[in-house]
PDB file of N, CA and C in Angstrom:
ATOM      1  N   MET A   1     -12.512  -7.362 -15.384  1.00  0.00           N
ATOM      2  CA  MET A   1     -13.063  -6.712 -14.248  1.00  0.00           C
ATOM      3  C   MET A   1     -11.858  -5.848 -13.517  1.00  0.00           C
ATOM      4  N   PRO A   2     -12.018  -4.813 -13.271  1.00  0.00           N
ATOM      5  CA  PRO A   2     -10.898  -3.822 -12.528  1.00  0.00           C
ATOM      6  C   PRO A   2     -10.673  -4.050 -11.138  1.00  0.00           C
ATOM      7  N   LEU A   3      -9.448  -3.631 -10.663  1.00  0.00           N
ATOM      8  CA  LEU A   3      -9.075  -4.223  -9.462  1.00  0.00           C
ATOM      9  C   LEU A   3      -9.786  -3.119  -8.341  1.00  0.00           C
ATOM     10  N   GLU A   4     -10.178  -3.925  -7.230  1.00  0.00           N
ATOM     11  CA  GLU A   4     -11.205  -3.260  -6.283  1.00  0.00           C
ATOM     12  C   GLU A   4     -10.624  -3.440  -5.018  1.00  0.00           C
ATOM     13  N   PHE A   5     -10.956  -2.737  -3.825  1.00  0.00           N
ATOM     14  CA  PHE A   5     -10.778  -2.982  -2.553  1.00  0.00           C
ATOM     15  C   PHE A   5     -11.976  -2.783  -1.837  1.00  0.00           C
ATOM     16  N   PRO A   6     -12.630  -3.797  -1.611  1.00  0.00           N
ATOM     17  CA  PRO A   6     -13.759  -3.840  -0.887  1.00  0.00           C
ATOM     18  C   PRO A   6     -13.619  -4.088   0.583  1.00  0.00           C
ATOM     19  N   ASN A   7     -12.536  -4.644   0.917  1.00  0.00           N
ATOM     20  CA  ASN A   7     -12.148  -4.837   2.259  1.00  0.00           C
ATOM     21  C   ASN A   7     -11.162  -3.799   2.720  1.00  0.00           C
ATOM     22  N   PRO A   8     -11.761  -2.674   3.950  1.00  0.00           N
ATOM     23  CA  PRO A   8     -10.669  -1.863   4.173  1.00  0.00           C
ATOM     24  C   PRO A   8      -9.754  -2.254   5.109  1.00  0.00           C
ATOM     25  N   SER A   9      -9.679  -3.779   5.499  1.00  0.00           N
ATOM     26  CA  SER A   9      -8.450  -3.952   6.589  1.00  0.00           C
ATOM     27  C   SER A   9      -7.186  -3.597   5.794  1.00  0.00           C
ATOM     28  N   ARG A  10      -6.272  -3.559   6.860  1.00  0.00           N
ATOM     29  CA  ARG A  10      -5.038  -3.549   6.617  1.00  0.00           C
ATOM     30  C   ARG A  10      -4.416  -3.743   7.836  1.00  0.00           C
ATOM     31  N   SER A  11      -2.680  -3.821   7.607  1.00  0.00           N
ATOM     32  CA  SER A  11      -2.194  -4.604   8.881  1.00  0.00           C
ATOM     33  C   SER A  11      -0.581  -3.948   8.712  1.00  0.00           C
ATOM     34  N   PHE A  12      -0.026  -4.057   9.636  1.00  0.00           N
ATOM     35  CA  PHE A  12       1.437  -3.620   9.603  1.00  0.00           C
ATOM     36  C   PHE A  12       2.393  -4.702   9.599  1.00  0.00           C
ATOM     37  N   ASP A  13       3.304  -4.711   8.565  1.00  0.00           N
ATOM     38  CA  ASP A  13       4.231  -5.925   8.534  1.00  0.00           C
ATOM     39  C   ASP A  13       5.706  -5.550   9.092  1.00  0.00           C
ATOM     40  N   GLU A  14       5.909  -5.906  10.061  1.00  0.00           N
ATOM     41  CA  GLU A  14       7.133  -5.292  10.799  1.00  0.00           C
ATOM     42  C   GLU A  14       8.301  -5.719   9.889  1.00  0.00           C
ATOM     43  N   ALA A  15       8.475  -7.142   9.602  1.00  0.00           N
ATOM     44  CA  ALA A  15       9.506  -7.611   8.985  1.00  0.00           C
ATOM     45  C   ALA A  15       9.682  -6.682   7.557  1.00  0.00           C
ATOM     46  N   ARG A  16       8.886  -6.293   6.950  1.00  0.00           N
ATOM     47  CA  ARG A  16       9.002  -5.475   5.737  1.00  0.00           C
ATOM     48  C   ARG A  16       8.919  -3.814   5.919  1.00  0.00           C
ATOM     49  N   ASN A  17       8.530  -3.493   7.226  1.00  0.00           N
ATOM     50  CA  ASN A  17       8.270  -2.278   7.520  1.00  0.00           C
ATOM     51  C   ASN A  17       7.525  -1.317   6.404  1.00  0.00           C
ATOM     52  N   ALA A  18       6.245  -2.395   6.429  1.00  0.00           N
ATOM     53  CA  ALA A  18       5.215  -1.746   5.375  1.00  0.00           C
ATOM     54  C   ALA A  18       3.727  -2.085   6.031  1.00  0.00           C
ATOM     55  N   VAL A  19       2.755  -1.493   5.217  1.00  0.00           N
ATOM     56  CA  VAL A  19       1.467  -1.854   5.547  1.00  0.00           C
ATOM     57  C   VAL A  19       0.765  -2.863   4.318  1.00  0.00           C
ATOM     58  N   ARG A  20       0.146  -3.887   4.909  1.00  0.00           N
ATOM     59  CA  ARG A  20      -0.150  -4.886   3.918  1.00  0.00           C
ATOM     60  C   ARG A  20      -1.935  -4.812   3.700  1.00  0.00           C
ATOM     61  N   PHE A  21      -2.152  -4.668   2.611  1.00  0.00           N
ATOM     62  CA  PHE A  21      -3.605  -4.529   2.264  1.00  0.00           C
ATOM     63  C   PHE A  21      -3.938  -5.445   0.945  1.00  0.00           C
ATOM     64  N   ILE A  22      -5.121  -5.661   0.841  1.00  0.00           N
ATOM     65  CA  ILE A  22      -5.487  -6.706  -0.277  1.00  0.00           C
ATOM     66  C   ILE A  22      -6.491  -6.070  -1.118  1.00  0.00           C
ATOM     67  N   GLY A  23      -6.195  -6.242  -2.375  1.00  0.00           N
ATOM     68  CA  GLY A  23      -7.095  -6.040  -3.560  1.00  0.00           C
ATOM     69  C   GLY A  23      -7.694  -7.138  -4.094  1.00  0.00           C
ATOM     70  N   HIS A  24      -8.858  -6.842  -5.034  1.00  0.00           N
ATOM     71  CA  HIS A  24      -9.423  -8.054  -5.561  1.00  0.00           C
ATOM     72  C   HIS A  24      -9.663  -7.849  -7.164  1.00  0.00           C
ATOM     73  N   ASP A  25      -9.349  -8.847  -7.850  1.00  0.00           N
ATOM     74  CA  ASP A  25      -9.517  -8.605  -9.352  1.00  0.00           C
ATOM     75  C   ASP A  25     -10.631  -9.907  -9.716  1.00  0.00           C
ATOM     76  N   GLY A  26     -11.858  -9.418  -9.771  1.00  0.00           N
ATOM     77  CA  GLY A  26     -12.764 -10.764  -9.744  1.00  0.00           C
ATOM     78  C   GLY A  26     -12.813 -11.373  -8.243  1.00  0.00           C
ATOM     79  N   MET A  27     -12.460 -12.856  -8.434  1.00  0.00           N
ATOM     80  CA  MET A  27     -12.250 -13.697  -7.193  1.00  0.00           C
ATOM     81  C   MET A  27     -10.987 -13.750  -6.833  1.00  0.00           C
ATOM     82  N   PHE A  28     -10.004 -13.158  -7.618  1.00  0.00           N
ATOM     83  CA  PHE A  28      -8.761 -13.220  -7.197  1.00  0.00           C
ATOM     84  C   PHE A  28      -8.161 -12.200  -6.068  1.00  0.00           C
ATOM     85  N   ALA A  29      -7.477 -12.671  -4.942  1.00  0.00           N
ATOM     86  CA  ALA A  29      -6.890 -11.786  -4.216  1.00  0.00           C
ATOM     87  C   ALA A  29      -5.722 -11.532  -4.678  1.00  0.00           C
ATOM     88  N   VAL A  30      -5.409 -10.022  -4.337  1.00  0.00           N
ATOM     89  CA  VAL A  30      -4.059  -9.298  -4.628  1.00  0.00           C
ATOM     90  C   VAL A  30      -3.490  -8.741  -3.773  1.00  0.00           C
ATOM     91  N   PRO A  31      -2.151  -9.291  -3.043  1.00  0.00           N
ATOM     92  CA  PRO A  31      -1.678  -8.774  -2.009  1.00  0.00           C
ATOM     93  C   PRO A  31      -0.817  -7.404  -2.185  1.00  0.00           C
ATOM     94  N   PHE A  32      -0.680  -6.493  -1.539  1.00  0.00           N
ATOM     95  CA  PHE A  32      -0.122  -4.972  -1.720  1.00  0.00           C
ATOM     96  C   PHE A  32       0.567  -4.930  -0.473  1.00  0.00           C
ATOM     97  N   PHE A  33       1.756  -4.327  -0.460  1.00  0.00           N
ATOM     98  CA  PHE A  33       2.435  -3.837   0.546  1.00  0.00           C
ATOM     99  C   PHE A  33       2.660  -2.054   0.233  1.00  0.00           C
ATOM    100  N   ILE A  34       2.784  -1.213   1.217  1.00  0.00           N
ATOM    101  CA  ILE A  34       2.960   0.062   0.705  1.00  0.00           C
ATOM    102  C   ILE A  34       4.243   0.360   1.939  1.00  0.00           C
ATOM    103  N   GLU A  35       5.435   0.711   1.550  1.00  0.00           N
ATOM    104  CA  GLU A  35       6.293   1.065   2.468  1.00  0.00           C
ATOM    105  C   GLU A  35       6.175   2.039   3.331  1.00  0.00           C
ATOM    106  N   ALA A  36       6.780   2.019   4.598  1.00  0.00           N
ATOM    107  CA  ALA A  36       6.571   2.939   5.473  1.00  0.00           C
ATOM    108  C   ALA A  36       7.124   4.384   5.173  1.00  0.00           C
ATOM    109  N   ASP A  37       8.070   4.306   4.279  1.00  0.00           N
ATOM    110  CA  ASP A  37       8.617   5.691   3.653  1.00  0.00           C
ATOM    111  C   ASP A  37       7.853   6.135   2.773  1.00  0.00           C
ATOM    112  N   ALA A  38       6.902   5.562   2.186  1.00  0.00           N
ATOM    113  CA  ALA A  38       5.861   6.039   1.189  1.00  0.00           C
ATOM    114  C   ALA A  38       4.545   6.729   2.005  1.00  0.00           C
ATOM    115  N   LEU A  39       4.602   6.521   3.286  1.00  0.00           N
ATOM    116  CA  LEU A  39       3.597   7.142   4.047  1.00  0.00           C
ATOM    117  C   LEU A  39       4.109   8.159   4.794  1.00  0.00           C
ATOM    118  N   ALA A  40       5.243   8.367   4.762  1.00  0.00           N
ATOM    119  CA  ALA A  40       5.652   9.311   5.794  1.00  0.00           C
ATOM    120  C   ALA A  40       5.662  10.731   4.907  1.00  0.00           C
ATOM    121  N   PRO A  41       5.529  11.551   5.572  1.00  0.00           N
ATOM    122  CA  PRO A  41       5.383  13.078   5.047  1.00  0.00           C
ATOM    123  C   PRO A  41       6.663  13.318   4.337  1.00  0.00           C
ATOM    124  N   ARG A  42       6.554  14.035   3.206  1.00  0.00           N
ATOM    125  CA  ARG A  42       7.697  14.256   2.449  1.00  0.00           C
ATOM    126  C   ARG A  42       8.650  15.052   3.161  1.00  0.00           C
ATOM    127  N   GLY A  43      10.007  14.585   2.999  1.00  0.00           N
ATOM    128  CA  GLY A  43      11.281  15.177   3.635  1.00  0.00           C
ATOM    129  C   GLY A  43      11.311  14.352   5.066  1.00  0.00           C
ATOM    130  N   ARG A  44      10.625  13.414   5.405  1.00  0.00           N
ATOM    131  CA  ARG A  44      10.684  12.915   6.588  1.00  0.00           C
ATOM    132  C   ARG A  44      10.729  11.408   6.672  1.00  0.00           C
ATOM    133  N   GLN A  45      11.007  10.825   5.502  1.00  0.00           N
ATOM    134  CA  GLN A  45      11.132   9.521   5.218  1.00  0.00           C
ATOM    135  C   GLN A  45      12.344   9.043   5.941  1.00  0.00           C
ATOM    136  N   GLY A  46      12.343   7.788   6.397  1.00  0.00           N
ATOM    137  CA  GLY A  46      13.698   7.426   7.042  1.00  0.00           C
ATOM    138  C   GLY A  46      13.155   6.208   7.979  1.00  0.00           C
ATOM    139  N   PRO A  47      14.209   5.505   8.776  1.00  0.00           N
ATOM    140  CA  PRO A  47      13.838   4.307   9.488  1.00  0.00           C
ATOM    141  C   PRO A  47      12.908   5.054  10.709  1.00  0.00           C
ATOM    142  N   GLY A  48      12.192   4.188  11.351  1.00  0.00           N
ATOM    143  CA  GLY A  48      11.569   4.293  12.630  1.00  0.00           C
ATOM    144  C   GLY A  48      10.276   4.919  12.651  1.00  0.00           C
ATOM    145  N   MET A  49       9.644   4.952  11.478  1.00  0.00           N
ATOM    146  CA  MET A  49       8.182   5.363  11.509  1.00  0.00           C
ATOM    147  C   MET A  49       7.238   4.181  12.299  1.00  0.00           C
ATOM    148  N   ALA A  50       6.423   4.656  13.246  1.00  0.00           N
ATOM    149  CA  ALA A  50       5.984   3.640  14.364  1.00  0.00           C
ATOM    150  C   ALA A  50       4.707   2.891  13.545  1.00  0.00           C
ATOM    151  N   GLU A  51       4.381   1.798  13.804  1.00  0.00           N
ATOM    152  CA  GLU A  51       3.055   1.000  13.297  1.00  0.00           C
ATOM    153  C   GLU A  51       1.825   2.194  13.389  1.00  0.00           C
ATOM    154  N   ALA A  52       1.432   2.661  14.627  1.00  0.00           N
ATOM    155  CA  ALA A  52       0.261   3.235  14.448  1.00  0.00           C
ATOM    156  C   ALA A  52       0.433   4.609  13.576  1.00  0.00           C
ATOM    157  N   ALA A  53       1.541   5.335  13.441  1.00  0.00           N
ATOM    158  CA  ALA A  53       1.466   6.180  12.584  1.00  0.00           C
ATOM    159  C   ALA A  53       1.291   5.827  11.127  1.00  0.00           C
ATOM    160  N   CYS A  54       2.014   4.744  10.820  1.00  0.00           N
ATOM    161  CA  CYS A  54       1.833   3.992   9.522  1.00  0.00           C
ATOM    162  C   CYS A  54       0.332   3.824   9.199  1.00  0.00           C
ATOM    163  N   LEU A  55      -0.370   3.188  10.252  1.00  0.00           N
ATOM    164  CA  LEU A  55      -1.800   2.827   9.686  1.00  0.00           C
ATOM    165  C   LEU A  55      -2.595   4.119   9.860  1.00  0.00           C
ATOM    166  N   VAL A  56      -2.502   5.151  10.644  1.00  0.00           N
ATOM    167  CA  VAL A  56      -3.187   6.462  10.416  1.00  0.00           C
ATOM    168  C   VAL A  56      -2.886   6.973   9.032  1.00  0.00           C
ATOM    169  N   ALA A  57      -1.563   7.218   8.723  1.00  0.00           N
ATOM    170  CA  ALA A  57      -1.187   7.777   7.638  1.00  0.00           C
ATOM    171  C   ALA A  57      -1.733   7.014   6.035  1.00  0.00           C
ATOM    172  N   PHE A  58      -1.942   5.523   6.310  1.00  0.00           N
ATOM    173  CA  PHE A  58      -2.429   4.656   5.348  1.00  0.00           C
ATOM    174  C   PHE A  58      -3.921   5.170   5.145  1.00  0.00           C
ATOM    175  N   ASP A  59      -4.690   5.110   6.249  1.00  0.00           N
ATOM    176  CA  ASP A  59      -5.998   5.494   6.343  1.00  0.00           C
ATOM    177  C   ASP A  59      -6.655   6.930   5.741  1.00  0.00           C
ATOM    178  N   ALA A  60      -5.516   7.871   5.958  1.00  0.00           N
ATOM    179  CA  ALA A  60      -5.822   9.308   5.457  1.00  0.00           C
ATOM    180  C   ALA A  60      -5.337   9.396   4.011  1.00  0.00           C
ATOM    181  N   ALA A  61      -4.632   8.409   3.467  1.00  0.00           N
ATOM    182  CA  ALA A  61      -4.157   8.569   2.126  1.00  0.00           C
ATOM    183  C   ALA A  61      -4.918   7.273   1.203  1.00  0.00           C
ATOM    184  N   ARG A  62      -5.921   6.586   1.808  1.00  0.00           N
ATOM    185  CA  ARG A  62      -6.194   5.718   1.121  1.00  0.00           C
ATOM    186  C   ARG A  62      -6.833   5.604  -0.286  1.00  0.00           C
ATOM    187  N   HIS A  63      -7.467   6.523  -0.594  1.00  0.00           N
ATOM    188  CA  HIS A  63      -7.776   6.777  -2.024  1.00  0.00           C
ATOM    189  C   HIS A  63      -6.550   6.999  -2.945  1.00  0.00           C
ATOM    190  N   SER A  64      -5.569   7.658  -2.654  1.00  0.00           N
ATOM    191  CA  SER A  64      -4.321   7.881  -3.514  1.00  0.00           C
ATOM    192  C   SER A  64      -3.523   6.599  -3.363  1.00  0.00           C
ATOM    193  N   ILE A  65      -3.549   6.051  -2.320  1.00  0.00           N
ATOM    194  CA  ILE A  65      -2.884   4.497  -2.260  1.00  0.00           C
ATOM    195  C   ILE A  65      -3.545   3.559  -3.423  1.00  0.00           C
ATOM    196  N   HIS A  66      -4.715   3.560  -3.142  1.00  0.00           N
ATOM    197  CA  HIS A  66      -5.649   2.494  -4.246  1.00  0.00           C
ATOM    198  C   HIS A  66      -5.287   3.090  -5.796  1.00  0.00           C
ATOM    199  N   THR A  67      -5.074   4.268  -5.716  1.00  0.00           N
ATOM    200  CA  THR A  67      -4.928   4.522  -7.347  1.00  0.00           C
ATOM    201  C   THR A  67      -3.538   4.318  -7.865  1.00  0.00           C
ATOM    202  N   SER A  68      -2.552   4.400  -6.866  1.00  0.00           N
ATOM    203  CA  SER A  68      -1.246   3.794  -7.068  1.00  0.00           C
ATOM    204  C   SER A  68      -1.171   2.458  -7.210  1.00  0.00           C
ATOM    205  N   ALA A  69      -1.961   1.644  -6.369  1.00  0.00           N
ATOM    206  CA  ALA A  69      -1.995   0.178  -6.476  1.00  0.00           C
ATOM    207  C   ALA A  69      -2.693  -0.328  -7.762  1.00  0.00           C
ATOM    208  N   ARG A  70      -3.607   0.426  -8.179  1.00  0.00           N
ATOM    209  CA  ARG A  70      -4.235   0.157  -9.479  1.00  0.00           C
ATOM    210  C   ARG A  70      -3.219   0.409 -10.743  1.00  0.00           C
ATOM    211  N   LYS A  71      -2.726   1.224 -10.716  1.00  0.00           N
ATOM    212  CA  LYS A  71      -1.417   1.661 -11.652  1.00  0.00           C
ATOM    213  C   LYS A  71      -0.355   0.558 -11.904  1.00  0.00           C
ATOM    214  N   LEU A  72       0.239   0.428 -10.512  1.00  0.00           N
ATOM    215  CA  LEU A  72       1.268  -0.761 -10.409  1.00  0.00           C
ATOM    216  C   LEU A  72       0.780  -2.058 -10.832  1.00  0.00           C
ATOM    217  N   TYR A  73      -0.418  -2.477 -10.458  1.00  0.00           N
ATOM    218  CA  TYR A  73      -1.098  -3.574 -10.864  1.00  0.00           C
ATOM    219  C   TYR A  73      -1.207  -3.910 -12.448  1.00  0.00           C
ATOM    220  N   SER A  74      -1.721  -2.670 -13.149  1.00  0.00           N
ATOM    221  CA  SER A  74      -1.746  -2.604 -14.398  1.00  0.00           C
ATOM    222  C   SER A  74      -0.522  -2.959 -15.335  1.00  0.00           C
ATOM    223  N   GLY A  75       0.477  -2.902 -14.551  1.00  0.00           N
ATOM    224  CA  GLY A  75       1.952  -2.877 -15.327  1.00  0.00           C
ATOM    225  C   GLY A  75       2.246  -4.537 -15.392  1.00  0.00           C
ATOM    226  N   GLY A  76       1.605  -5.394 -14.958  1.00  0.00           N
ATOM    227  CA  GLY A  76       2.004  -6.906 -15.154  1.00  0.00           C
ATOM    228  C   GLY A  76       1.263  -7.702 -13.582  1.00  0.00           C
ATOM    229  N   GLN A  77       1.449  -8.977 -14.121  1.00  0.00           N
ATOM    230  CA  GLN A  77       1.011  -9.868 -13.100  1.00  0.00           C
ATOM    231  C   GLN A  77       2.195 -10.242 -12.009  1.00  0.00           C
ATOM    232  N   ARG A  78       2.130 -10.115 -10.982  1.00  0.00           N
ATOM    233  CA  ARG A  78       3.285 -10.402  -9.975  1.00  0.00           C
ATOM    234  C   ARG A  78       2.597 -11.350  -8.719  1.00  0.00           C
ATOM    235  N   THR A  79       3.395 -11.738  -7.971  1.00  0.00           N
ATOM    236  CA  THR A  79       2.841 -12.575  -6.663  1.00  0.00           C
ATOM    237  C   THR A  79       2.475 -11.700  -5.492  1.00  0.00           C
ATOM    238  N   THR A  80       3.253 -10.521  -5.465  1.00  0.00           N
ATOM    239  CA  THR A  80       2.702  -9.402  -4.405  1.00  0.00           C
ATOM    240  C   THR A  80       3.235  -8.220  -5.179  1.00  0.00           C
ATOM    241  N   TYR A  81       2.645  -7.108  -4.635  1.00  0.00           N
ATOM    242  CA  TYR A  81       2.852  -5.745  -5.368  1.00  0.00           C
ATOM    243  C   TYR A  81       3.536  -4.783  -4.161  1.00  0.00           C
ATOM    244  N   THR A  82       4.572  -4.027  -4.279  1.00  0.00           N
ATOM    245  CA  THR A  82       5.089  -3.100  -3.167  1.00  0.00           C
ATOM    246  C   THR A  82       5.091  -1.511  -3.681  1.00  0.00           C
ATOM    247  N   ILE A  83       4.353  -1.011  -3.165  1.00  0.00           N
ATOM    248  CA  ILE A  83       4.159   0.497  -3.464  1.00  0.00           C
ATOM    249  C   ILE A  83       5.406   1.218  -2.552  1.00  0.00           C
ATOM    250  N   THR A  84       6.262   1.961  -3.549  1.00  0.00           N
ATOM    251  CA  THR A  84       7.437   2.689  -2.732  1.00  0.00           C
ATOM    252  C   THR A  84       6.719   4.377  -2.704  1.00  0.00           C
ATOM    253  N   ALA A  85       7.956   5.107  -2.298  1.00  0.00           N
ATOM    254  CA  ALA A  85       7.556   6.657  -2.254  1.00  0.00           C
ATOM    255  C   ALA A  85       7.365   7.024  -3.612  1.00  0.00           C
ATOM    256  N   ALA A  86       8.309   6.532  -4.665  1.00  0.00           N
ATOM    257  CA  ALA A  86       8.291   7.014  -5.843  1.00  0.00           C
ATOM    258  C   ALA A  86       6.967   6.859  -6.633  1.00  0.00           C
ATOM    259  N   ASP A  87       6.350   5.698  -6.221  1.00  0.00           N
ATOM    260  CA  ASP A  87       4.922   5.416  -6.744  1.00  0.00           C
ATOM    261  C   ASP A  87       4.050   6.305  -6.367  1.00  0.00           C
ATOM    262  N   MET A  88       4.153   7.083  -5.246  1.00  0.00           N
ATOM    263  CA  MET A  88       3.274   7.879  -4.641  1.00  0.00           C
ATOM    264  C   MET A  88       3.011   9.223  -5.150  1.00  0.00           C
ATOM    265  N   ARG A  89       4.060   9.520  -5.981  1.00  0.00           N
ATOM    266  CA  ARG A  89       4.198  10.872  -6.638  1.00  0.00           C
ATOM    267  C   ARG A  89       3.457  11.158  -7.969  1.00  0.00           C
TER     268      ARG A  89
END
């Protein structure tokens, strides 16, 4: 069964400076993070992107984020997956 994202919930993880979201592979929940730098407009990466801005950027790029998450997930099983700016290119 392919990785799906039936739950649109996402939250900001301040400790990781990333947005957390969950995918599902059948009955298994698969945790993902996308770094704030990956959500920032190109050329504007760096510390300090606010939580609200990260969540708005996540919502705007949800389809491409899920596409990147599927590619990352297909690379092998891990406990969690982190999407970086390089993964979003």
